[in-house]
PDB file of N, CA and C in Angstrom:
ATOM      1  N   MET A   1      72.057 -52.053-119.457  1.00  0.00           N
ATOM      2  CA  MET A   1      73.240 -52.669-120.005  1.00  0.00           C
ATOM      3  C   MET A   1      73.358 -52.327-121.481  1.00  0.00           C
ATOM      4  N   THR A   2      74.551 -52.182-121.944  1.00  0.00           N
ATOM      5  CA  THR A   2      74.811 -51.894-123.342  1.00  0.00           C
ATOM      6  C   THR A   2      75.077 -53.194-124.082  1.00  0.00           C
ATOM      7  N   VAL A   3      74.339 -53.424-125.131  1.00  0.00           N
ATOM      8  CA  VAL A   3      74.497 -54.617-125.944  1.00  0.00           C
ATOM      9  C   VAL A   3      75.170 -54.223-127.241  1.00  0.00           C
ATOM     10  N   ILE A   4      76.119 -55.009-127.693  1.00  0.00           N
ATOM     11  CA  ILE A   4      76.849 -54.699-128.909  1.00  0.00           C
ATOM     12  C   ILE A   4      76.647 -55.824-129.910  1.00  0.00           C
ATOM     13  N   ASP A   5      76.185 -55.484-131.083  1.00  0.00           N
ATOM     14  CA  ASP A   5      76.106 -56.421-132.197  1.00  0.00           C
ATOM     15  C   ASP A   5      76.990 -55.858-133.295  1.00  0.00           C
ATOM     16  N   THR A   6      77.814 -56.683-133.887  1.00  0.00           N
ATOM     17  CA  THR A   6      78.671 -56.190-134.959  1.00  0.00           C
ATOM     18  C   THR A   6      78.354 -56.916-136.244  1.00  0.00           C
ATOM     19  N   ALA A   7      78.469 -56.199-137.326  1.00  0.00           N
ATOM     20  CA  ALA A   7      78.277 -56.779-138.645  1.00  0.00           C
ATOM     21  C   ALA A   7      78.978 -55.896-139.659  1.00  0.00           C
ATOM     22  N   PRO A   8      79.704 -56.488-140.599  1.00  0.00           N
ATOM     23  CA  PRO A   8      80.329 -55.683-141.645  1.00  0.00           C
ATOM     24  C   PRO A   8      79.276 -55.133-142.594  1.00  0.00           C
ATOM     25  N   LEU A   9      79.511 -53.941-143.085  1.00  0.00           N
ATOM     26  CA  LEU A   9      78.620 -53.310-144.053  1.00  0.00           C
ATOM     27  C   LEU A   9      79.308 -53.224-145.400  1.00  0.00           C
ATOM     28  N   GLY A  10      78.541 -53.391-146.450  1.00  0.00           N
ATOM     29  CA  GLY A  10      79.056 -53.162-147.797  1.00  0.00           C
ATOM     30  C   GLY A  10      80.017 -54.224-148.275  1.00  0.00           C
ATOM     31  N   ALA A  11      80.474 -54.006-149.476  1.00  0.00           N
ATOM     32  CA  ALA A  11      81.442 -54.901-150.093  1.00  0.00           C
ATOM     33  C   ALA A  11      82.201 -54.103-151.132  1.00  0.00           C
ATOM     34  N   GLY A  12      83.218 -54.673-151.686  1.00  0.00           N
ATOM     35  CA  GLY A  12      83.979 -53.977-152.707  1.00  0.00           C
ATOM     36  C   GLY A  12      85.454 -53.997-152.387  1.00  0.00           C
ATOM     37  N   SER A  13      86.186 -53.110-153.038  1.00  0.00           N
ATOM     38  CA  SER A  13      87.628 -53.115-152.889  1.00  0.00           C
ATOM     39  C   SER A  13      88.076 -52.472-151.574  1.00  0.00           C
ATOM     40  N   ARG A  14      87.295 -51.530-151.062  1.00  0.00           N
ATOM     41  CA  ARG A  14      87.647 -50.924-149.781  1.00  0.00           C
ATOM     42  C   ARG A  14      87.177 -51.828-148.660  1.00  0.00           C
ATOM     43  N   PRO A  15      87.900 -51.845-147.539  1.00  0.00           N
ATOM     44  CA  PRO A  15      87.457 -52.677-146.417  1.00  0.00           C
ATOM     45  C   PRO A  15      86.068 -52.230-145.941  1.00  0.00           C
ATOM     46  N   ALA A  16      85.234 -53.202-145.643  1.00  0.00           N
ATOM     47  CA  ALA A  16      83.884 -52.906-145.166  1.00  0.00           C
ATOM     48  C   ALA A  16      83.957 -52.331-143.764  1.00  0.00           C
ATOM     49  N   PRO A  17      83.102 -51.356-143.471  1.00  0.00           N
ATOM     50  CA  PRO A  17      83.060 -50.819-142.110  1.00  0.00           C
ATOM     51  C   PRO A  17      82.580 -51.872-141.119  1.00  0.00           C
ATOM     52  N   THR A  18      82.989 -51.720-139.891  1.00  0.00           N
ATOM     53  CA  THR A  18      82.454 -52.539-138.812  1.00  0.00           C
ATOM     54  C   THR A  18      81.339 -51.733-138.176  1.00  0.00           C
ATOM     55  N   PHE A  19      80.137 -52.291-138.156  1.00  0.00           N
ATOM     56  CA  PHE A  19      78.952 -51.623-137.649  1.00  0.00           C
ATOM     57  C   PHE A  19      78.670 -52.142-136.252  1.00  0.00           C
ATOM     58  N   VAL A  20      78.558 -51.232-135.283  1.00  0.00           N
ATOM     59  CA  VAL A  20      78.295 -51.603-133.894  1.00  0.00           C
ATOM     60  C   VAL A  20      77.000 -50.948-133.461  1.00  0.00           C
ATOM     61  N   HIS A  21      76.040 -51.768-133.082  1.00  0.00           N
ATOM     62  CA  HIS A  21      74.731 -51.270-132.645  1.00  0.00           C
ATOM     63  C   HIS A  21      74.705 -51.280-131.117  1.00  0.00           C
ATOM     64  N   LEU A  22      74.602 -50.109-130.523  1.00  0.00           N
ATOM     65  CA  LEU A  22      74.567 -49.988-129.067  1.00  0.00           C
ATOM     66  C   LEU A  22      73.129 -49.793-128.610  1.00  0.00           C
ATOM     67  N   THR A  23      72.782 -50.419-127.500  1.00  0.00           N
ATOM     68  CA  THR A  23      71.447 -50.239-126.932  1.00  0.00           C
ATOM     69  C   THR A  23      71.557 -50.027-125.428  1.00  0.00           C
ATOM     70  N   GLY A  24      70.551 -49.363-124.888  1.00  0.00           N
ATOM     71  CA  GLY A  24      70.499 -49.179-123.439  1.00  0.00           C
ATOM     72  C   GLY A  24      71.233 -47.935-122.982  1.00  0.00           C
ATOM     73  N   GLU A  25      71.741 -48.016-121.764  1.00  0.00           N
ATOM     74  CA  GLU A  25      72.403 -46.871-121.140  1.00  0.00           C
ATOM     75  C   GLU A  25      73.918 -47.020-121.170  1.00  0.00           C
ATOM     76  N   ILE A  26      74.565 -45.903-121.445  1.00  0.00           N
ATOM     77  CA  ILE A  26      76.027 -45.852-121.346  1.00  0.00           C
ATOM     78  C   ILE A  26      76.302 -45.009-120.117  1.00  0.00           C
ATOM     79  N   ASP A  27      76.502 -45.683-119.006  1.00  0.00           N
ATOM     80  CA  ASP A  27      76.656 -44.997-117.726  1.00  0.00           C
ATOM     81  C   ASP A  27      77.811 -45.601-116.931  1.00  0.00           C
ATOM     82  N   ILE A  28      77.918 -45.222-115.683  1.00  0.00           N
ATOM     83  CA  ILE A  28      79.018 -45.667-114.830  1.00  0.00           C
ATOM     84  C   ILE A  28      79.091 -47.190-114.722  1.00  0.00           C
ATOM     85  N   PHE A  29      77.967 -47.848-114.891  1.00  0.00           N
ATOM     86  CA  PHE A  29      77.935 -49.302-114.757  1.00  0.00           C
ATOM     87  C   PHE A  29      78.323 -50.036-116.042  1.00  0.00           C
ATOM     88  N   THR A  30      78.313 -49.361-117.157  1.00  0.00           N
ATOM     89  CA  THR A  30      78.563 -50.032-118.433  1.00  0.00           C
ATOM     90  C   THR A  30      79.795 -49.527-119.183  1.00  0.00           C
ATOM     91  N   THR A  31      80.367 -48.412-118.764  1.00  0.00           N
ATOM     92  CA  THR A  31      81.449 -47.813-119.553  1.00  0.00           C
ATOM     93  C   THR A  31      82.699 -48.678-119.634  1.00  0.00           C
ATOM     94  N   ALA A  32      83.103 -49.318-118.549  1.00  0.00           N
ATOM     95  CA  ALA A  32      84.335 -50.122-118.581  1.00  0.00           C
ATOM     96  C   ALA A  32      84.198 -51.275-119.569  1.00  0.00           C
ATOM     97  N   ARG A  33      83.078 -51.953-119.514  1.00  0.00           N
ATOM     98  CA  ARG A  33      82.855 -53.085-120.417  1.00  0.00           C
ATOM     99  C   ARG A  33      82.758 -52.605-121.873  1.00  0.00           C
ATOM    100  N   LEU A  34      82.055 -51.496-122.076  1.00  0.00           N
ATOM    101  CA  LEU A  34      81.921 -50.950-123.420  1.00  0.00           C
ATOM    102  C   LEU A  34      83.277 -50.563-123.981  1.00  0.00           C
ATOM    103  N   ARG A  35      84.075 -49.871-123.193  1.00  0.00           N
ATOM    104  CA  ARG A  35      85.417 -49.467-123.638  1.00  0.00           C
ATOM    105  C   ARG A  35      86.225 -50.698-124.050  1.00  0.00           C
ATOM    106  N   GLN A  36      86.212 -51.709-123.219  1.00  0.00           N
ATOM    107  CA  GLN A  36      86.963 -52.923-123.497  1.00  0.00           C
ATOM    108  C   GLN A  36      86.503 -53.580-124.799  1.00  0.00           C
ATOM    109  N   ARG A  37      85.206 -53.678-124.990  1.00  0.00           N
ATOM    110  CA  ARG A  37      84.670 -54.319-126.200  1.00  0.00           C
ATOM    111  C   ARG A  37      85.010 -53.519-127.453  1.00  0.00           C
ATOM    112  N   LEU A  38      84.853 -52.189-127.388  1.00  0.00           N
ATOM    113  CA  LEU A  38      85.131 -51.364-128.567  1.00  0.00           C
ATOM    114  C   LEU A  38      86.615 -51.361-128.915  1.00  0.00           C
ATOM    115  N   ILE A  39      87.476 -51.265-127.918  1.00  0.00           N
ATOM    116  CA  ILE A  39      88.921 -51.310-128.173  1.00  0.00           C
ATOM    117  C   ILE A  39      89.284 -52.661-128.770  1.00  0.00           C
ATOM    118  N   GLY A  40      88.658 -53.724-128.279  1.00  0.00           N
ATOM    119  CA  GLY A  40      88.895 -55.050-128.832  1.00  0.00           C
ATOM    120  C   GLY A  40      88.483 -55.154-130.286  1.00  0.00           C
ATOM    121  N   LEU A  41      87.395 -54.491-130.645  1.00  0.00           N
ATOM    122  CA  LEU A  41      86.925 -54.514-132.030  1.00  0.00           C
ATOM    123  C   LEU A  41      87.892 -53.822-132.982  1.00  0.00           C
ATOM    124  N   LEU A  42      88.618 -52.851-132.477  1.00  0.00           N
ATOM    125  CA  LEU A  42      89.537 -52.121-133.355  1.00  0.00           C
ATOM    126  C   LEU A  42      90.591 -53.031-133.970  1.00  0.00           C
ATOM    127  N   SER A  43      90.984 -54.066-133.251  1.00  0.00           N
ATOM    128  CA  SER A  43      92.006 -54.968-133.796  1.00  0.00           C
ATOM    129  C   SER A  43      91.439 -55.850-134.903  1.00  0.00           C
ATOM    130  N   HIS A  44      90.108 -55.911-135.019  1.00  0.00           N
ATOM    131  CA  HIS A  44      89.465 -56.725-136.043  1.00  0.00           C
ATOM    132  C   HIS A  44      88.756 -55.879-137.103  1.00  0.00           C
ATOM    133  N   SER A  45      88.879 -54.576-137.009  1.00  0.00           N
ATOM    134  CA  SER A  45      88.168 -53.683-137.917  1.00  0.00           C
ATOM    135  C   SER A  45      89.127 -53.146-138.977  1.00  0.00           C
ATOM    136  N   PRO A  46      89.052 -53.683-140.187  1.00  0.00           N
ATOM    137  CA  PRO A  46      89.966 -53.222-141.229  1.00  0.00           C
ATOM    138  C   PRO A  46      89.580 -51.861-141.798  1.00  0.00           C
ATOM    139  N   GLY A  47      88.310 -51.489-141.656  1.00  0.00           N
ATOM    140  CA  GLY A  47      87.839 -50.215-142.198  1.00  0.00           C
ATOM    141  C   GLY A  47      87.256 -49.354-141.108  1.00  0.00           C
ATOM    142  N   ARG A  48      86.376 -48.490-141.499  1.00  0.00           N
ATOM    143  CA  ARG A  48      85.731 -47.557-140.586  1.00  0.00           C
ATOM    144  C   ARG A  48      84.946 -48.295-139.502  1.00  0.00           C
ATOM    145  N   LEU A  49      84.959 -47.727-138.294  1.00  0.00           N
ATOM    146  CA  LEU A  49      84.152 -48.232-137.188  1.00  0.00           C
ATOM    147  C   LEU A  49      82.956 -47.305-137.055  1.00  0.00           C
ATOM    148  N   VAL A  50      81.751 -47.852-137.212  1.00  0.00           N
ATOM    149  CA  VAL A  50      80.520 -47.065-137.167  1.00  0.00           C
ATOM    150  C   VAL A  50      79.731 -47.464-135.928  1.00  0.00           C
ATOM    151  N   LEU A  51      79.455 -46.503-135.074  1.00  0.00           N
ATOM    152  CA  LEU A  51      78.668 -46.739-133.868  1.00  0.00           C
ATOM    153  C   LEU A  51      77.256 -46.222-134.086  1.00  0.00           C
ATOM    154  N   ASP A  52      76.285 -47.119-134.035  1.00  0.00           N
ATOM    155  CA  ASP A  52      74.874 -46.759-134.163  1.00  0.00           C
ATOM    156  C   ASP A  52      74.320 -46.523-132.769  1.00  0.00           C
ATOM    157  N   LEU A  53      73.968 -45.284-132.476  1.00  0.00           N
ATOM    158  CA  LEU A  53      73.470 -44.908-131.148  1.00  0.00           C
ATOM    159  C   LEU A  53      71.955 -44.786-131.105  1.00  0.00           C
ATOM    160  N   SER A  54      71.256 -45.231-132.136  1.00  0.00           N
ATOM    161  CA  SER A  54      69.815 -45.004-132.236  1.00  0.00           C
ATOM    162  C   SER A  54      69.017 -45.620-131.090  1.00  0.00           C
ATOM    163  N   GLN A  55      69.540 -46.648-130.458  1.00  0.00           N
ATOM    164  CA  GLN A  55      68.822 -47.292-129.365  1.00  0.00           C
ATOM    165  C   GLN A  55      69.447 -47.018-127.995  1.00  0.00           C
ATOM    166  N   VAL A  56      70.347 -46.043-127.932  1.00  0.00           N
ATOM    167  CA  VAL A  56      70.944 -45.657-126.651  1.00  0.00           C
ATOM    168  C   VAL A  56      69.972 -44.727-125.941  1.00  0.00           C
ATOM    169  N   THR A  57      69.601 -45.092-124.728  1.00  0.00           N
ATOM    170  CA  THR A  57      68.612 -44.312-123.979  1.00  0.00           C
ATOM    171  C   THR A  57      69.245 -43.274-123.060  1.00  0.00           C
ATOM    172  N   PHE A  58      70.528 -43.428-122.752  1.00  0.00           N
ATOM    173  CA  PHE A  58      71.222 -42.477-121.878  1.00  0.00           C
ATOM    174  C   PHE A  58      72.708 -42.562-122.157  1.00  0.00           C
ATOM    175  N   CYS A  59      73.365 -41.422-122.126  1.00  0.00           N
ATOM    176  CA  CYS A  59      74.821 -41.371-122.248  1.00  0.00           C
ATOM    177  C   CYS A  59      75.323 -40.303-121.293  1.00  0.00           C
ATOM    178  N   GLY A  60      76.069 -40.725-120.293  1.00  0.00           N
ATOM    179  CA  GLY A  60      76.633 -39.784-119.331  1.00  0.00           C
ATOM    180  C   GLY A  60      78.020 -39.334-119.748  1.00  0.00           C
ATOM    181  N   THR A  61      78.670 -38.598-118.864  1.00  0.00           N
ATOM    182  CA  THR A  61      80.004 -38.092-119.176  1.00  0.00           C
ATOM    183  C   THR A  61      81.004 -39.227-119.342  1.00  0.00           C
ATOM    184  N   GLY A  62      80.802 -40.314-118.611  1.00  0.00           N
ATOM    185  CA  GLY A  62      81.660 -41.486-118.781  1.00  0.00           C
ATOM    186  C   GLY A  62      81.524 -42.072-120.174  1.00  0.00           C
ATOM    187  N   GLY A  63      80.304 -42.047-120.700  1.00  0.00           N
ATOM    188  CA  GLY A  63      80.062 -42.520-122.058  1.00  0.00           C
ATOM    189  C   GLY A  63      80.780 -41.657-123.079  1.00  0.00           C
ATOM    190  N   LEU A  64      80.747 -40.346-122.856  1.00  0.00           N
ATOM    191  CA  LEU A  64      81.481 -39.443-123.753  1.00  0.00           C
ATOM    192  C   LEU A  64      82.973 -39.725-123.699  1.00  0.00           C
ATOM    193  N   ALA A  65      83.473 -39.994-122.491  1.00  0.00           N
ATOM    194  CA  ALA A  65      84.895 -40.303-122.340  1.00  0.00           C
ATOM    195  C   ALA A  65      85.252 -41.580-123.098  1.00  0.00           C
ATOM    196  N   VAL A  66      84.362 -42.570-123.065  1.00  0.00           N
ATOM    197  CA  VAL A  66      84.595 -43.806-123.819  1.00  0.00           C
ATOM    198  C   VAL A  66      84.652 -43.505-125.314  1.00  0.00           C
ATOM    199  N   LEU A  67      83.682 -42.742-125.805  1.00  0.00           N
ATOM    200  CA  LEU A  67      83.655 -42.413-127.233  1.00  0.00           C
ATOM    201  C   LEU A  67      84.925 -41.688-127.651  1.00  0.00           C
ATOM    202  N   LEU A  68      85.364 -40.731-126.846  1.00  0.00           N
ATOM    203  CA  LEU A  68      86.580 -39.985-127.169  1.00  0.00           C
ATOM    204  C   LEU A  68      87.819 -40.878-127.112  1.00  0.00           C
ATOM    205  N   GLY A  69      87.890 -41.739-126.099  1.00  0.00           N
ATOM    206  CA  GLY A  69      89.036 -42.633-125.966  1.00  0.00           C
ATOM    207  C   GLY A  69      89.126 -43.633-127.103  1.00  0.00           C
ATOM    208  N   VAL A  70      87.985 -44.185-127.483  1.00  0.00           N
ATOM    209  CA  VAL A  70      87.961 -45.138-128.594  1.00  0.00           C
ATOM    210  C   VAL A  70      88.311 -44.428-129.895  1.00  0.00           C
ATOM    211  N   GLN A  71      87.809 -43.219-130.058  1.00  0.00           N
ATOM    212  CA  GLN A  71      88.137 -42.461-131.265  1.00  0.00           C
ATOM    213  C   GLN A  71      89.642 -42.190-131.336  1.00  0.00           C
ATOM    214  N   LYS A  72      90.233 -41.837-130.214  1.00  0.00           N
ATOM    215  CA  LYS A  72      91.672 -41.560-130.180  1.00  0.00           C
ATOM    216  C   LYS A  72      92.468 -42.815-130.538  1.00  0.00           C
ATOM    217  N   ARG A  73      92.074 -43.950-129.974  1.00  0.00           N
ATOM    218  CA  ARG A  73      92.758 -45.208-130.266  1.00  0.00           C
ATOM    219  C   ARG A  73      92.571 -45.580-131.736  1.00  0.00           C
ATOM    220  N   ALA A  74      91.344 -45.426-132.233  1.00  0.00           N
ATOM    221  CA  ALA A  74      91.059 -45.748-133.634  1.00  0.00           C
ATOM    222  C   ALA A  74      91.907 -44.879-134.559  1.00  0.00           C
ATOM    223  N   ARG A  75      91.962 -43.601-134.256  1.00  0.00           N
ATOM    224  CA  ARG A  75      92.743 -42.677-135.082  1.00  0.00           C
ATOM    225  C   ARG A  75      94.214 -43.080-135.109  1.00  0.00           C
ATOM    226  N   SER A  76      94.749 -43.514-133.965  1.00  0.00           N
ATOM    227  CA  SER A  76      96.153 -43.922-133.922  1.00  0.00           C
ATOM    228  C   SER A  76      96.409 -45.164-134.777  1.00  0.00           C
ATOM    229  N   LEU A  77      95.347 -45.949-135.023  1.00  0.00           N
ATOM    230  CA  LEU A  77      95.452 -47.136-135.867  1.00  0.00           C
ATOM    231  C   LEU A  77      95.055 -46.860-137.319  1.00  0.00           C
ATOM    232  N   GLY A  78      94.699 -45.601-137.600  1.00  0.00           N
ATOM    233  CA  GLY A  78      94.292 -45.239-138.953  1.00  0.00           C
ATOM    234  C   GLY A  78      92.875 -45.673-139.289  1.00  0.00           C
ATOM    235  N   ILE A  79      92.053 -45.872-138.266  1.00  0.00           N
ATOM    236  CA  ILE A  79      90.672 -46.319-138.463  1.00  0.00           C
ATOM    237  C   ILE A  79      89.734 -45.154-138.160  1.00  0.00           C
ATOM    238  N   PRO A  80      88.975 -44.687-139.152  1.00  0.00           N
ATOM    239  CA  PRO A  80      88.003 -43.627-138.884  1.00  0.00           C
ATOM    240  C   PRO A  80      86.849 -44.155-138.028  1.00  0.00           C
ATOM    241  N   LEU A  81      86.324 -43.322-137.165  1.00  0.00           N
ATOM    242  CA  LEU A  81      85.171 -43.667-136.341  1.00  0.00           C
ATOM    243  C   LEU A  81      84.051 -42.694-136.658  1.00  0.00           C
ATOM    244  N   ALA A  82      82.861 -43.217-136.883  1.00  0.00           N
ATOM    245  CA  ALA A  82      81.705 -42.374-137.193  1.00  0.00           C
ATOM    246  C   ALA A  82      80.530 -42.785-136.317  1.00  0.00           C
ATOM    247  N   LEU A  83      79.649 -41.834-136.063  1.00  0.00           N
ATOM    248  CA  LEU A  83      78.420 -42.087-135.316  1.00  0.00           C
ATOM    249  C   LEU A  83      77.244 -42.013-136.273  1.00  0.00           C
ATOM    250  N   THR A  84      76.243 -42.836-136.036  1.00  0.00           N
ATOM    251  CA  THR A  84      75.012 -42.783-136.799  1.00  0.00           C
ATOM    252  C   THR A  84      73.845 -42.986-135.846  1.00  0.00           C
ATOM    253  N   GLY A  85      72.674 -42.531-136.261  1.00  0.00           N
ATOM    254  CA  GLY A  85      71.479 -42.709-135.452  1.00  0.00           C
ATOM    255  C   GLY A  85      71.546 -42.011-134.107  1.00  0.00           C
ATOM    256  N   VAL A  86      72.208 -40.886-134.054  1.00  0.00           N
ATOM    257  CA  VAL A  86      72.379 -40.183-132.774  1.00  0.00           C
ATOM    258  C   VAL A  86      71.040 -39.584-132.339  1.00  0.00           C
ATOM    259  N   PRO A  87      70.506 -40.037-131.192  1.00  0.00           N
ATOM    260  CA  PRO A  87      69.232 -39.491-130.714  1.00  0.00           C
ATOM    261  C   PRO A  87      69.382 -38.008-130.352  1.00  0.00           C
ATOM    262  N   PRO A  88      68.282 -37.253-130.409  1.00  0.00           N
ATOM    263  CA  PRO A  88      68.349 -35.818-130.102  1.00  0.00           C
ATOM    264  C   PRO A  88      68.981 -35.504-128.748  1.00  0.00           C
ATOM    265  N   ARG A  89      68.686 -36.294-127.728  1.00  0.00           N
ATOM    266  CA  ARG A  89      69.244 -36.003-126.397  1.00  0.00           C
ATOM    267  C   ARG A  89      70.766 -36.172-126.379  1.00  0.00           C
ATOM    268  N   ILE A  90      71.288 -37.118-127.155  1.00  0.00           N
ATOM    269  CA  ILE A  90      72.740 -37.303-127.203  1.00  0.00           C
ATOM    270  C   ILE A  90      73.368 -36.270-128.138  1.00  0.00           C
ATOM    271  N   ALA A  91      72.672 -35.914-129.204  1.00  0.00           N
ATOM    272  CA  ALA A  91      73.152 -34.847-130.085  1.00  0.00           C
ATOM    273  C   ALA A  91      73.287 -33.552-129.300  1.00  0.00           C
ATOM    274  N   ARG A  92      72.317 -33.293-128.442  1.00  0.00           N
ATOM    275  CA  ARG A  92      72.368 -32.083-127.603  1.00  0.00           C
ATOM    276  C   ARG A  92      73.560 -32.150-126.648  1.00  0.00           C
ATOM    277  N   LEU A  93      73.797 -33.304-126.051  1.00  0.00           N
ATOM    278  CA  LEU A  93      74.944 -33.480-125.158  1.00  0.00           C
ATOM    279  C   LEU A  93      76.247 -33.217-125.908  1.00  0.00           C
ATOM    280  N   LEU A  94      76.357 -33.748-127.112  1.00  0.00           N
ATOM    281  CA  LEU A  94      77.555 -33.503-127.918  1.00  0.00           C
ATOM    282  C   LEU A  94      77.701 -32.024-128.255  1.00  0.00           C
ATOM    283  N   HIS A  95      76.582 -31.361-128.534  1.00  0.00           N
ATOM    284  CA  HIS A  95      76.614 -29.933-128.857  1.00  0.00           C
ATOM    285  C   HIS A  95      77.026 -29.101-127.641  1.00  0.00           C
ATOM    286  N   VAL A  96      76.397 -29.363-126.510  1.00  0.00           N
ATOM    287  CA  VAL A  96      76.661 -28.592-125.283  1.00  0.00           C
ATOM    288  C   VAL A  96      78.118 -28.739-124.845  1.00  0.00           C
ATOM    289  N   THR A  97      78.681 -29.922-125.043  1.00  0.00           N
ATOM    290  CA  THR A  97      80.059 -30.163-124.629  1.00  0.00           C
ATOM    291  C   THR A  97      81.076 -29.753-125.700  1.00  0.00           C
ATOM    292  N   GLY A  98      80.583 -29.307-126.863  1.00  0.00           N
ATOM    293  CA  GLY A  98      81.475 -28.895-127.933  1.00  0.00           C
ATOM    294  C   GLY A  98      82.108 -30.058-128.684  1.00  0.00           C
ATOM    295  N   LEU A  99      81.531 -31.246-128.550  1.00  0.00           N
ATOM    296  CA  LEU A  99      82.107 -32.430-129.175  1.00  0.00           C
ATOM    297  C   LEU A  99      81.425 -32.839-130.470  1.00  0.00           C
ATOM    298  N   GLU A 100      80.408 -32.102-130.877  1.00  0.00           N
ATOM    299  CA  GLU A 100      79.637 -32.516-132.051  1.00  0.00           C
ATOM    300  C   GLU A 100      80.481 -32.610-133.318  1.00  0.00           C
ATOM    301  N   ASN A 101      81.514 -31.801-133.433  1.00  0.00           N
ATOM    302  CA  ASN A 101      82.344 -31.839-134.645  1.00  0.00           C
ATOM    303  C   ASN A 101      83.474 -32.855-134.555  1.00  0.00           C
ATOM    304  N   ARG A 102      83.657 -33.447-133.397  1.00  0.00           N
ATOM    305  CA  ARG A 102      84.703 -34.466-133.225  1.00  0.00           C
ATOM    306  C   ARG A 102      84.308 -35.803-133.851  1.00  0.00           C
ATOM    307  N   PHE A 103      83.002 -36.018-134.020  1.00  0.00           N
ATOM    308  CA  PHE A 103      82.506 -37.284-134.536  1.00  0.00           C
ATOM    309  C   PHE A 103      81.772 -37.047-135.847  1.00  0.00           C
ATOM    310  N   PRO A 104      82.389 -37.397-136.968  1.00  0.00           N
ATOM    311  CA  PRO A 104      81.720 -37.182-138.244  1.00  0.00           C
ATOM    312  C   PRO A 104      80.527 -38.125-138.375  1.00  0.00           C
ATOM    313  N   PRO A 105      79.464 -37.660-138.997  1.00  0.00           N
ATOM    314  CA  PRO A 105      78.308 -38.554-139.234  1.00  0.00           C
ATOM    315  C   PRO A 105      78.671 -39.577-140.297  1.00  0.00           C
ATOM    316  N   LEU A 106      77.897 -40.620-140.353  1.00  0.00           N
ATOM    317  CA  LEU A 106      78.114 -41.671-141.342  1.00  0.00           C
ATOM    318  C   LEU A 106      77.817 -41.143-142.724  1.00  0.00           C
TER     319      LEU A 106
END
């Protein structure tokens, strides 16, 4: 199961990013719930949305579709989305699929 914890980062005149820590597997059993939660967060995220993948143990093609869909929705709202803590196995997946440049690092 994917667990999401959110916390604003930083302070100052610019809106603080919304930090989302994902854990576990992003697979066929968790993608619908994850998509719903992340899209819901966009309405409450005044600044950048940062997804920490450091504790994600698996990400399938459905997980990639969620990341792309959330990024598209975020972009339409003017909210940048960034990934941090990308494990080597997920970095490789992003590279193999040609998506590594779609997600700027934090």
